[in-house]
Amino acid sequence: MRRRIPPARSLRLDHRRIFILPSRAGMAFLLLLLIMLIGAINYQNSLVYGLTFTLLSLFWVALHHTYRNLAAVQLRATGGRAVFAGEQVPLGLTLRSERREHQALKLRWPGLDAVSVDVPAGGEQALTLFHPTERRGWLALERLRIETRYPLGWFVAWSLVDLDWQVLVYPKPVSAPLPVGAAPDGEEDDQPLAQQEGVADFQGLRAYRPGDSRRRLDWRAWSRGQGLHSKVFAEPQQQSLWLDLAAASGRDLDECLGVLTGWVLEMEREQRPYGLSLPGVRIEPAQGDSHREVCLRALALYGLEARA
């Protein structure tokens, strides 16, 4: 299977990647044809002969139509956003047709409900699939099954695709009291306070940085062709807080990382600067969406092998 359908972000279904067998209805239909053929032989009835072979021809034609309904479909994973363990992750998927229409396609993972979709001739159909998550790290999915029984339901044609959505799952947040602010490794807490952008007093503009909030972008200057800038506000600085793995209590490593995740979210809600300290990982105090993502990513991948 891995040789026939290797992991990929996009692929096209062809004869090497499609499997087809009679369905239960198809097997029952074949049994009915066998009974009719035995009756035609026994009674030497030409009319029953003709009907039997006509239906057998229809059965053979249905096989090719079922295969063609799945062949040449192109699938492309369009990504998904990061979620916390235990949540449903939305996964974007686009199906594209080269020439003909593809009807009644069903997509599902083992144990989950199927999603039906039609793909217009020469067009695309975008949809969002949802999959539960259980553990932190890069999302590992079983192969997605795409199948069709169109047009008569006598055959089922399917393929098992391994699409790479590259979605990161953060640890499940655990509620716990915030630790007492201290520098890691016993360092003195007389370091300069982390600079925090406020919301009170407008200070001016600065060049846009990745991760800046869209609400603070100066769209008027951008529309005048002056480039993309962010508005800077200021307010009194606050004491930064270090979030240390040694200060998180839990039954195992994942629960301790969940406590740290809850602390990160709490600090962001309070708009206070914070740093993160893990064995071998040190993230200096800061605040904002980009800093939050860096910390959550470090927590999600801590102790796991880096993705190739």
C-alpha atoms as a PDB file:
ATOM      1  CA  MET A   1       0.000   0.000   0.000  1.00  0.00           C
ATOM      2  CA  ARG A   2       2.798   2.430   0.856  1.00  0.00           C
ATOM      3  CA  ARG A   3       4.464   1.681  -2.483  1.00  0.00           C
ATOM      4  CA  ARG A   4       1.257   2.016  -4.496  1.00  0.00           C
ATOM      5  CA  ILE A   5      -0.103   5.053  -2.650  1.00  0.00           C
ATOM      6  CA  PRO A   6       2.779   6.799  -0.867  1.00  0.00           C
ATOM      7  CA  PRO A   7       2.131   9.702   1.533  1.00  0.00           C
ATOM      8  CA  ALA A   8       1.694  12.964  -0.369  1.00  0.00           C
ATOM      9  CA  ARG A   9       0.019  16.347  -0.044  1.00  0.00           C
ATOM     10  CA  SER A  10      -1.779  15.851  -3.362  1.00  0.00           C
ATOM     11  CA  LEU A  11      -2.370  12.893  -5.674  1.00  0.00           C
ATOM     12  CA  ARG A  12      -4.374  11.652  -8.643  1.00  0.00           C
ATOM     13  CA  LEU A  13      -6.321   8.395  -8.551  1.00  0.00           C
ATOM     14  CA  ASP A  14      -5.459   5.954 -11.341  1.00  0.00           C
ATOM     15  CA  HIS A  15      -5.675   2.206 -11.989  1.00  0.00           C
ATOM     16  CA  ARG A  16      -2.801   1.464  -9.577  1.00  0.00           C
ATOM     17  CA  ARG A  17      -4.541   3.256  -6.720  1.00  0.00           C
ATOM     18  CA  ILE A  18      -8.141   2.093  -7.180  1.00  0.00           C
ATOM     19  CA  PHE A  19      -9.572  -1.210  -5.959  1.00  0.00           C
ATOM     20  CA  ILE A  20     -12.990  -2.524  -7.029  1.00  0.00           C
ATOM     21  CA  LEU A  21     -15.116  -5.500  -5.974  1.00  0.00           C
ATOM     22  CA  PRO A  22     -18.798  -6.446  -6.194  1.00  0.00           C
ATOM     23  CA  SER A  23     -20.853  -5.150  -3.287  1.00  0.00           C
ATOM     24  CA  ARG A  24     -23.366  -7.254  -1.353  1.00  0.00           C
ATOM     25  CA  ALA A  25     -26.061  -6.103  -3.743  1.00  0.00           C
ATOM     26  CA  GLY A  26     -23.835  -7.087  -6.666  1.00  0.00           C
ATOM     27  CA  MET A  27     -23.210 -10.559  -5.239  1.00  0.00           C
ATOM     28  CA  ALA A  28     -26.959 -11.033  -4.713  1.00  0.00           C
ATOM     29  CA  PHE A  29     -27.570  -9.901  -8.298  1.00  0.00           C
ATOM     30  CA  LEU A  30     -25.020 -12.440  -9.594  1.00  0.00           C
ATOM     31  CA  LEU A  31     -26.735 -15.174  -7.569  1.00  0.00           C
ATOM     32  CA  LEU A  32     -30.058 -14.185  -9.136  1.00  0.00           C
ATOM     33  CA  LEU A  33     -28.519 -14.378 -12.622  1.00  0.00           C
ATOM     34  CA  LEU A  34     -27.152 -17.840 -11.840  1.00  0.00           C
ATOM     35  CA  ILE A  35     -30.590 -19.028 -10.778  1.00  0.00           C
ATOM     36  CA  MET A  36     -32.123 -17.555 -13.954  1.00  0.00           C
ATOM     37  CA  LEU A  37     -29.454 -19.247 -16.087  1.00  0.00           C
ATOM     38  CA  ILE A  38     -30.138 -22.623 -14.457  1.00  0.00           C
ATOM     39  CA  GLY A  39     -33.836 -22.149 -15.092  1.00  0.00           C
ATOM     40  CA  ALA A  40     -33.234 -21.206 -18.737  1.00  0.00           C
ATOM     41  CA  ILE A  41     -31.068 -24.301 -19.254  1.00  0.00           C
ATOM     42  CA  ASN A  42     -33.596 -26.552 -17.521  1.00  0.00           C
ATOM     43  CA  TYR A  43     -36.611 -25.300 -19.490  1.00  0.00           C
ATOM     44  CA  GLN A  44     -34.752 -24.337 -22.694  1.00  0.00           C
ATOM     45  CA  ASN A  45     -36.458 -20.935 -22.581  1.00  0.00           C
ATOM     46  CA  SER A  46     -34.933 -18.511 -25.105  1.00  0.00           C
ATOM     47  CA  LEU A  47     -36.616 -15.496 -23.513  1.00  0.00           C
ATOM     48  CA  VAL A  48     -35.025 -16.233 -20.111  1.00  0.00           C
ATOM     49  CA  TYR A  49     -31.676 -16.773 -21.874  1.00  0.00           C
ATOM     50  CA  GLY A  50     -31.945 -13.338 -23.485  1.00  0.00           C
ATOM     51  CA  LEU A  51     -32.957 -11.613 -20.263  1.00  0.00           C
ATOM     52  CA  THR A  52     -30.178 -13.312 -18.290  1.00  0.00           C
ATOM     53  CA  PHE A  53     -27.411 -12.313 -20.695  1.00  0.00           C
ATOM     54  CA  THR A  54     -28.836  -8.798 -21.080  1.00  0.00           C
ATOM     55  CA  LEU A  55     -28.696  -8.294 -17.315  1.00  0.00           C
ATOM     56  CA  LEU A  56     -25.201  -9.813 -17.227  1.00  0.00           C
ATOM     57  CA  SER A  57     -24.111  -7.275 -19.843  1.00  0.00           C
ATOM     58  CA  LEU A  58     -25.594  -4.500 -17.707  1.00  0.00           C
ATOM     59  CA  PHE A  59     -23.650  -5.849 -14.730  1.00  0.00           C
ATOM     60  CA  TRP A  60     -20.410  -5.707 -16.739  1.00  0.00           C
ATOM     61  CA  VAL A  61     -21.105  -2.157 -17.927  1.00  0.00           C
ATOM     62  CA  ALA A  62     -21.838  -1.062 -14.345  1.00  0.00           C
ATOM     63  CA  LEU A  63     -18.345  -2.244 -13.331  1.00  0.00           C
ATOM     64  CA  HIS A  64     -16.704   0.153 -15.810  1.00  0.00           C
ATOM     65  CA  HIS A  65     -18.966   3.075 -14.854  1.00  0.00           C
ATOM     66  CA  THR A  66     -18.224   2.593 -11.157  1.00  0.00           C
ATOM     67  CA  TYR A  67     -14.477   2.567 -11.838  1.00  0.00           C
ATOM     68  CA  ARG A  68     -14.674   5.632 -14.114  1.00  0.00           C
ATOM     69  CA  ASN A  69     -16.601   7.544 -11.466  1.00  0.00           C
ATOM     70  CA  LEU A  70     -13.541   7.388  -9.192  1.00  0.00           C
ATOM     71  CA  ALA A  71     -10.712   7.369 -11.733  1.00  0.00           C
ATOM     72  CA  ALA A  72      -8.833  10.636 -12.454  1.00  0.00           C
ATOM     73  CA  VAL A  73     -10.080  12.372  -9.304  1.00  0.00           C
ATOM     74  CA  GLN A  74      -7.371  14.647  -7.888  1.00  0.00           C
ATOM     75  CA  LEU A  75      -7.166  15.189  -4.131  1.00  0.00           C
ATOM     76  CA  ARG A  76      -5.196  17.996  -2.489  1.00  0.00           C
ATOM     77  CA  ALA A  77      -4.825  18.637   1.233  1.00  0.00           C
ATOM     78  CA  THR A  78      -5.204  22.368   1.855  1.00  0.00           C
ATOM     79  CA  GLY A  79      -4.059  22.360   5.469  1.00  0.00           C
ATOM     80  CA  GLY A  80      -5.717  22.844   8.828  1.00  0.00           C
ATOM     81  CA  ARG A  81      -5.326  25.003  11.897  1.00  0.00           C
ATOM     82  CA  ALA A  82      -3.645  23.900  15.101  1.00  0.00           C
ATOM     83  CA  VAL A  83      -5.935  22.719  17.922  1.00  0.00           C
ATOM     84  CA  PHE A  84      -5.597  21.455  21.466  1.00  0.00           C
ATOM     85  CA  ALA A  85      -5.627  17.736  22.214  1.00  0.00           C
ATOM     86  CA  GLY A  86      -9.188  16.477  22.607  1.00  0.00           C
ATOM     87  CA  GLU A  87     -10.650  18.917  20.079  1.00  0.00           C
ATOM     88  CA  GLN A  88     -11.864  18.250  16.549  1.00  0.00           C
ATOM     89  CA  VAL A  89      -9.323  19.406  13.989  1.00  0.00           C
ATOM     90  CA  PRO A  90     -10.696  20.906  10.737  1.00  0.00           C
ATOM     91  CA  LEU A  91      -8.876  19.583   7.668  1.00  0.00           C
ATOM     92  CA  GLY A  92      -9.293  21.286   4.313  1.00  0.00           C
ATOM     93  CA  LEU A  93      -9.547  19.095   1.220  1.00  0.00           C
ATOM     94  CA  THR A  94     -10.041  19.976  -2.450  1.00  0.00           C
ATOM     95  CA  LEU A  95     -11.252  17.468  -5.046  1.00  0.00           C
ATOM     96  CA  ARG A  96     -10.714  18.307  -8.701  1.00  0.00           C
ATOM     97  CA  SER A  97     -12.096  16.759 -11.878  1.00  0.00           C
ATOM     98  CA  GLU A  98     -10.208  16.835 -15.172  1.00  0.00           C
ATOM     99  CA  ARG A  99     -13.085  16.269 -17.595  1.00  0.00           C
ATOM    100  CA  ARG A 100     -16.135  14.343 -16.446  1.00  0.00           C
ATOM    101  CA  GLU A 101     -18.410  14.687 -13.446  1.00  0.00           C
ATOM    102  CA  HIS A 102     -17.858  12.473 -10.405  1.00  0.00           C
ATOM    103  CA  GLN A 103     -20.961  11.731  -8.378  1.00  0.00           C
ATOM    104  CA  ALA A 104     -21.723  10.292  -4.945  1.00  0.00           C
ATOM    105  CA  LEU A 105     -18.156  10.105  -3.657  1.00  0.00           C
ATOM    106  CA  LYS A 106     -17.833   9.251   0.029  1.00  0.00           C
ATOM    107  CA  LEU A 107     -14.852  10.034   2.258  1.00  0.00           C
ATOM    108  CA  ARG A 108     -14.309   8.706   5.762  1.00  0.00           C
ATOM    109  CA  TRP A 109     -11.798   7.515   8.316  1.00  0.00           C
ATOM    110  CA  PRO A 110     -12.301   4.198  10.136  1.00  0.00           C
ATOM    111  CA  GLY A 111     -14.894   4.575  12.869  1.00  0.00           C
ATOM    112  CA  LEU A 112     -16.109   8.002  11.685  1.00  0.00           C
ATOM    113  CA  ASP A 113     -19.143   9.071   9.659  1.00  0.00           C
ATOM    114  CA  ALA A 114     -18.750   9.384   5.898  1.00  0.00           C
ATOM    115  CA  VAL A 115     -18.999  12.684   4.026  1.00  0.00           C
ATOM    116  CA  SER A 116     -20.639  12.643   0.571  1.00  0.00           C
ATOM    117  CA  VAL A 117     -19.557  14.998  -2.201  1.00  0.00           C
ATOM    118  CA  ASP A 118     -20.068  15.543  -5.939  1.00  0.00           C
ATOM    119  CA  VAL A 119     -17.336  17.005  -8.132  1.00  0.00           C
ATOM    120  CA  PRO A 120     -18.473  19.006 -11.199  1.00  0.00           C
ATOM    121  CA  ALA A 121     -16.988  18.269 -14.597  1.00  0.00           C
ATOM    122  CA  GLY A 122     -13.745  20.173 -15.080  1.00  0.00           C
ATOM    123  CA  GLY A 123     -14.158  21.911 -11.716  1.00  0.00           C
ATOM    124  CA  GLU A 124     -13.237  21.713  -8.068  1.00  0.00           C
ATOM    125  CA  GLN A 125     -15.090  20.988  -4.853  1.00  0.00           C
ATOM    126  CA  ALA A 126     -13.660  22.172  -1.534  1.00  0.00           C
ATOM    127  CA  LEU A 127     -14.802  20.705   1.761  1.00  0.00           C
ATOM    128  CA  THR A 128     -13.717  20.506   5.384  1.00  0.00           C
ATOM    129  CA  LEU A 129     -13.322  17.194   7.186  1.00  0.00           C
ATOM    130  CA  PHE A 130     -13.183  16.888  10.965  1.00  0.00           C
ATOM    131  CA  HIS A 131     -11.114  14.394  12.925  1.00  0.00           C
ATOM    132  CA  PRO A 132     -10.788  13.984  16.719  1.00  0.00           C
ATOM    133  CA  THR A 133      -7.392  14.398  18.358  1.00  0.00           C
ATOM    134  CA  GLU A 134      -6.054  12.521  21.361  1.00  0.00           C
ATOM    135  CA  ARG A 135      -2.385  13.437  21.866  1.00  0.00           C
ATOM    136  CA  ARG A 136      -0.063  16.349  21.300  1.00  0.00           C
ATOM    137  CA  GLY A 137       2.459  16.625  18.479  1.00  0.00           C
ATOM    138  CA  TRP A 138       2.089  16.381  14.746  1.00  0.00           C
ATOM    139  CA  LEU A 139      -1.282  14.947  13.787  1.00  0.00           C
ATOM    140  CA  ALA A 140      -0.978  11.289  12.750  1.00  0.00           C
ATOM    141  CA  LEU A 141      -3.943  10.054  10.722  1.00  0.00           C
ATOM    142  CA  GLU A 142      -4.951   6.713   9.323  1.00  0.00           C
ATOM    143  CA  ARG A 143      -5.459   6.507   5.581  1.00  0.00           C
ATOM    144  CA  LEU A 144      -8.538   8.324   4.298  1.00  0.00           C
ATOM    145  CA  ARG A 145     -10.941   6.056   2.407  1.00  0.00           C
ATOM    146  CA  ILE A 146     -12.613   7.486  -0.693  1.00  0.00           C
ATOM    147  CA  GLU A 147     -15.192   5.245  -2.344  1.00  0.00           C
ATOM    148  CA  THR A 148     -18.130   5.208  -4.721  1.00  0.00           C
ATOM    149  CA  ARG A 149     -20.965   2.795  -5.521  1.00  0.00           C
ATOM    150  CA  TYR A 150     -22.359   4.873  -8.365  1.00  0.00           C
ATOM    151  CA  PRO A 151     -24.373   4.262 -10.504  1.00  0.00           C
ATOM    152  CA  LEU A 152     -26.217   1.053  -9.522  1.00  0.00           C
ATOM    153  CA  GLY A 153     -24.576   0.008  -6.279  1.00  0.00           C
ATOM    154  CA  TRP A 154     -23.487  -3.363  -7.640  1.00  0.00           C
ATOM    155  CA  PHE A 155     -19.791  -2.529  -7.228  1.00  0.00           C
ATOM    156  CA  VAL A 156     -17.770  -0.578  -4.702  1.00  0.00           C
ATOM    157  CA  ALA A 157     -14.603   1.151  -5.936  1.00  0.00           C
ATOM    158  CA  TRP A 158     -12.296   2.629  -3.316  1.00  0.00           C
ATOM    159  CA  SER A 159      -8.841   3.940  -2.573  1.00  0.00           C
ATOM    160  CA  LEU A 160      -6.932   4.551   0.666  1.00  0.00           C
ATOM    161  CA  VAL A 161      -4.999   7.827   0.468  1.00  0.00           C
ATOM    162  CA  ASP A 162      -2.425   9.143   2.912  1.00  0.00           C
ATOM    163  CA  LEU A 163      -2.644  12.942   2.708  1.00  0.00           C
ATOM    164  CA  ASP A 164      -0.200  15.086   4.636  1.00  0.00           C
ATOM    165  CA  TRP A 165      -2.082  17.956   6.283  1.00  0.00           C
ATOM    166  CA  GLN A 166       0.837  18.984   8.562  1.00  0.00           C
ATOM    167  CA  VAL A 167      -1.297  19.993  11.541  1.00  0.00           C
ATOM    168  CA  LEU A 168       0.153  20.530  15.008  1.00  0.00           C
ATOM    169  CA  VAL A 169      -1.797  19.486  18.108  1.00  0.00           C
ATOM    170  CA  TYR A 170      -1.082  21.431  21.303  1.00  0.00           C
ATOM    171  CA  PRO A 171      -1.245  19.804  24.754  1.00  0.00           C
ATOM    172  CA  LYS A 172      -4.658  19.789  26.379  1.00  0.00           C
ATOM    173  CA  PRO A 173      -4.831  22.793  28.768  1.00  0.00           C
ATOM    174  CA  VAL A 174      -5.018  21.940  32.475  1.00  0.00           C
ATOM    175  CA  SER A 175      -6.243  24.533  34.995  1.00  0.00           C
ATOM    176  CA  ALA A 176      -3.805  25.232  37.828  1.00  0.00           C
ATOM    177  CA  PRO A 177      -2.820  28.282  39.931  1.00  0.00           C
ATOM    178  CA  LEU A 178      -0.135  30.434  38.359  1.00  0.00           C
ATOM    179  CA  PRO A 179       3.348  29.958  39.837  1.00  0.00           C
ATOM    180  CA  VAL A 180       5.182  32.641  41.743  1.00  0.00           C
ATOM    181  CA  GLY A 181       7.222  34.700  39.271  1.00  0.00           C
ATOM    182  CA  ALA A 182      10.903  33.810  39.306  1.00  0.00           C
ATOM    183  CA  ALA A 183      13.776  33.537  36.893  1.00  0.00           C
ATOM    184  CA  PRO A 184      14.755  29.980  35.919  1.00  0.00           C
ATOM    185  CA  ASP A 185      17.810  28.157  37.227  1.00  0.00           C
ATOM    186  CA  GLY A 186      18.005  30.341  40.325  1.00  0.00           C
ATOM    187  CA  GLU A 187      18.937  33.505  38.435  1.00  0.00           C
ATOM    188  CA  GLU A 188      18.420  36.815  40.155  1.00  0.00           C
ATOM    189  CA  ASP A 189      15.157  38.517  39.371  1.00  0.00           C
ATOM    190  CA  ASP A 190      16.721  41.918  38.806  1.00  0.00           C
ATOM    191  CA  GLN A 191      16.632  41.697  35.013  1.00  0.00           C
ATOM    192  CA  PRO A 192      14.971  44.493  33.030  1.00  0.00           C
ATOM    193  CA  LEU A 193      11.212  44.082  32.760  1.00  0.00           C
ATOM    194  CA  ALA A 194       9.978  42.768  29.443  1.00  0.00           C
ATOM    195  CA  GLN A 195       8.603  45.454  27.159  1.00  0.00           C
ATOM    196  CA  GLN A 196       4.852  45.102  26.681  1.00  0.00           C
ATOM    197  CA  GLU A 197       2.820  46.823  23.997  1.00  0.00           C
ATOM    198  CA  GLY A 198      -0.269  48.324  25.521  1.00  0.00           C
ATOM    199  CA  VAL A 199      -3.648  49.543  24.350  1.00  0.00           C
ATOM    200  CA  ALA A 200      -3.923  52.931  26.025  1.00  0.00           C
ATOM    201  CA  ASP A 201      -1.645  55.588  24.483  1.00  0.00           C
ATOM    202  CA  PHE A 202      -0.869  55.737  20.765  1.00  0.00           C
ATOM    203  CA  GLN A 203       2.899  56.093  20.261  1.00  0.00           C
ATOM    204  CA  GLY A 204       3.277  55.968  16.490  1.00  0.00           C
ATOM    205  CA  LEU A 205       3.884  53.501  13.675  1.00  0.00           C
ATOM    206  CA  ARG A 206       6.510  50.857  13.032  1.00  0.00           C
ATOM    207  CA  ALA A 207       7.190  48.454  10.194  1.00  0.00           C
ATOM    208  CA  TYR A 208       4.949  45.390  10.143  1.00  0.00           C
ATOM    209  CA  ARG A 209       6.302  42.265  11.816  1.00  0.00           C
ATOM    210  CA  PRO A 210       4.949  38.743  11.236  1.00  0.00           C
ATOM    211  CA  GLY A 211       2.522  37.958  14.027  1.00  0.00           C
ATOM    212  CA  ASP A 212       1.246  41.518  14.536  1.00  0.00           C
ATOM    213  CA  SER A 213      -2.480  41.731  15.176  1.00  0.00           C
ATOM    214  CA  ARG A 214      -4.535  42.725  12.135  1.00  0.00           C
ATOM    215  CA  ARG A 215      -6.512  45.134  14.305  1.00  0.00           C
ATOM    216  CA  ARG A 216      -3.375  47.245  14.754  1.00  0.00           C
ATOM    217  CA  LEU A 217      -2.422  47.501  11.069  1.00  0.00           C
ATOM    218  CA  ASP A 218      -2.573  50.964   9.489  1.00  0.00           C
ATOM    219  CA  TRP A 219      -4.697  50.176   6.459  1.00  0.00           C
ATOM    220  CA  ARG A 220      -4.954  53.832   5.424  1.00  0.00           C
ATOM    221  CA  ALA A 221      -1.195  54.138   5.005  1.00  0.00           C
ATOM    222  CA  TRP A 222      -1.148  50.855   3.110  1.00  0.00           C
ATOM    223  CA  SER A 223      -3.871  52.050   0.715  1.00  0.00           C
ATOM    224  CA  ARG A 224      -1.779  55.170  -0.009  1.00  0.00           C
ATOM    225  CA  GLY A 225       1.122  52.970  -1.023  1.00  0.00           C
ATOM    226  CA  GLN A 226       3.251  53.764   2.031  1.00  0.00           C
ATOM    227  CA  GLY A 227       3.805  50.135   2.954  1.00  0.00           C
ATOM    228  CA  LEU A 228       2.347  48.003   5.731  1.00  0.00           C
ATOM    229  CA  HIS A 229       2.794  49.442   9.245  1.00  0.00           C
ATOM    230  CA  SER A 230       1.522  48.549  12.699  1.00  0.00           C
ATOM    231  CA  LYS A 231       0.206  50.992  15.264  1.00  0.00           C
ATOM    232  CA  VAL A 232       2.167  51.048  18.519  1.00  0.00           C
ATOM    233  CA  PHE A 233       0.513  51.703  21.866  1.00  0.00           C
ATOM    234  CA  ALA A 234       2.157  51.912  25.255  1.00  0.00           C
ATOM    235  CA  GLU A 235       1.211  51.320  28.849  1.00  0.00           C
ATOM    236  CA  PRO A 236       3.131  50.763  32.081  1.00  0.00           C
ATOM    237  CA  GLN A 237       5.342  47.680  32.010  1.00  0.00           C
ATOM    238  CA  GLN A 238       4.466  44.654  34.095  1.00  0.00           C
ATOM    239  CA  GLN A 239       6.644  42.151  35.896  1.00  0.00           C
ATOM    240  CA  SER A 240       7.353  39.178  33.629  1.00  0.00           C
ATOM    241  CA  LEU A 241       6.625  35.658  34.841  1.00  0.00           C
ATOM    242  CA  TRP A 242       8.673  32.567  34.066  1.00  0.00           C
ATOM    243  CA  LEU A 243       6.724  29.382  33.357  1.00  0.00           C
ATOM    244  CA  ASP A 244       8.981  26.482  34.330  1.00  0.00           C
ATOM    245  CA  LEU A 245       8.315  22.783  33.772  1.00  0.00           C
ATOM    246  CA  ALA A 246       9.722  22.068  37.237  1.00  0.00           C
ATOM    247  CA  ALA A 247       6.951  24.185  38.786  1.00  0.00           C
ATOM    248  CA  ALA A 248       4.152  22.288  36.990  1.00  0.00           C
ATOM    249  CA  SER A 249       2.644  19.399  38.909  1.00  0.00           C
ATOM    250  CA  GLY A 250       1.095  16.413  37.158  1.00  0.00           C
ATOM    251  CA  ARG A 251       0.954  12.636  37.028  1.00  0.00           C
ATOM    252  CA  ASP A 252       3.066  12.446  33.879  1.00  0.00           C
ATOM    253  CA  LEU A 253       4.899  14.630  31.381  1.00  0.00           C
ATOM    254  CA  ASP A 254       1.840  15.283  29.207  1.00  0.00           C
ATOM    255  CA  GLU A 255      -0.184  16.514  32.186  1.00  0.00           C
ATOM    256  CA  CYS A 256       2.677  18.800  33.263  1.00  0.00           C
ATOM    257  CA  LEU A 257       2.842  20.200  29.728  1.00  0.00           C
ATOM    258  CA  GLY A 258      -0.935  20.683  29.883  1.00  0.00           C
ATOM    259  CA  VAL A 259      -0.487  22.756  33.036  1.00  0.00           C
ATOM    260  CA  LEU A 260       2.086  24.913  31.241  1.00  0.00           C
ATOM    261  CA  THR A 261      -0.319  25.274  28.303  1.00  0.00           C
ATOM    262  CA  GLY A 262      -3.033  26.500  30.673  1.00  0.00           C
ATOM    263  CA  TRP A 263      -0.591  29.006  32.161  1.00  0.00           C
ATOM    264  CA  VAL A 264       0.339  30.324  28.716  1.00  0.00           C
ATOM    265  CA  LEU A 265      -3.323  30.894  27.856  1.00  0.00           C
ATOM    266  CA  GLU A 266      -3.979  32.534  31.240  1.00  0.00           C
ATOM    267  CA  MET A 267      -1.042  34.923  30.819  1.00  0.00           C
ATOM    268  CA  GLU A 268      -2.270  35.901  27.377  1.00  0.00           C
ATOM    269  CA  ARG A 269      -5.758  36.597  28.747  1.00  0.00           C
ATOM    270  CA  GLU A 270      -4.215  38.807  31.436  1.00  0.00           C
ATOM    271  CA  GLN A 271      -1.940  40.454  28.834  1.00  0.00           C
ATOM    272  CA  ARG A 272       1.143  39.887  30.968  1.00  0.00           C
ATOM    273  CA  PRO A 273       4.636  39.111  29.618  1.00  0.00           C
ATOM    274  CA  TYR A 274       5.939  35.629  30.331  1.00  0.00           C
ATOM    275  CA  GLY A 275       8.834  33.342  29.458  1.00  0.00           C
ATOM    276  CA  LEU A 276       8.954  29.575  29.061  1.00  0.00           C
ATOM    277  CA  SER A 277      11.638  27.312  30.499  1.00  0.00           C
ATOM    278  CA  LEU A 278      11.933  23.640  29.575  1.00  0.00           C
ATOM    279  CA  PRO A 279      14.987  21.372  29.833  1.00  0.00           C
ATOM    280  CA  GLY A 280      17.003  22.365  26.780  1.00  0.00           C
ATOM    281  CA  VAL A 281      14.462  25.025  25.727  1.00  0.00           C
ATOM    282  CA  ARG A 282      14.376  28.649  26.878  1.00  0.00           C
ATOM    283  CA  ILE A 283      12.035  31.278  25.414  1.00  0.00           C
ATOM    284  CA  GLU A 284      12.590  34.817  26.665  1.00  0.00           C
ATOM    285  CA  PRO A 285       9.677  36.803  28.162  1.00  0.00           C
ATOM    286  CA  ALA A 286       7.369  38.499  25.681  1.00  0.00           C
ATOM    287  CA  GLN A 287       3.692  38.740  24.838  1.00  0.00           C
ATOM    288  CA  GLY A 288       1.449  38.546  21.807  1.00  0.00           C
ATOM    289  CA  ASP A 289       0.089  36.095  19.267  1.00  0.00           C
ATOM    290  CA  SER A 290       3.467  35.185  17.767  1.00  0.00           C
ATOM    291  CA  HIS A 291       4.998  34.578  21.210  1.00  0.00           C
ATOM    292  CA  ARG A 292       2.002  32.463  22.202  1.00  0.00           C
ATOM    293  CA  GLU A 293       2.392  30.292  19.092  1.00  0.00           C
ATOM    294  CA  VAL A 294       6.126  29.829  19.713  1.00  0.00           C
ATOM    295  CA  CYS A 295       5.482  28.683  23.293  1.00  0.00           C
ATOM    296  CA  LEU A 296       2.620  26.348  22.376  1.00  0.00           C
ATOM    297  CA  ARG A 297       4.669  24.837  19.567  1.00  0.00           C
ATOM    298  CA  ALA A 298       7.552  24.176  21.955  1.00  0.00           C
ATOM    299  CA  LEU A 299       5.160  22.493  24.403  1.00  0.00           C
ATOM    300  CA  ALA A 300       3.550  20.383  21.674  1.00  0.00           C
ATOM    301  CA  LEU A 301       6.860  19.045  20.362  1.00  0.00           C
ATOM    302  CA  TYR A 302       8.790  18.760  23.612  1.00  0.00           C
ATOM    303  CA  GLY A 303      10.212  15.263  24.010  1.00  0.00           C
ATOM    304  CA  LEU A 304       9.060  14.162  20.548  1.00  0.00           C
ATOM    305  CA  GLU A 305      11.187  13.586  17.508  1.00  0.00           C
ATOM    306  CA  ALA A 306      11.226  16.514  15.104  1.00  0.00           C
ATOM    307  CA  ARG A 307       9.111  16.045  12.021  1.00  0.00           C
ATOM    308  CA  ALA A 308      11.157  15.109   8.993  1.00  0.00           C
END
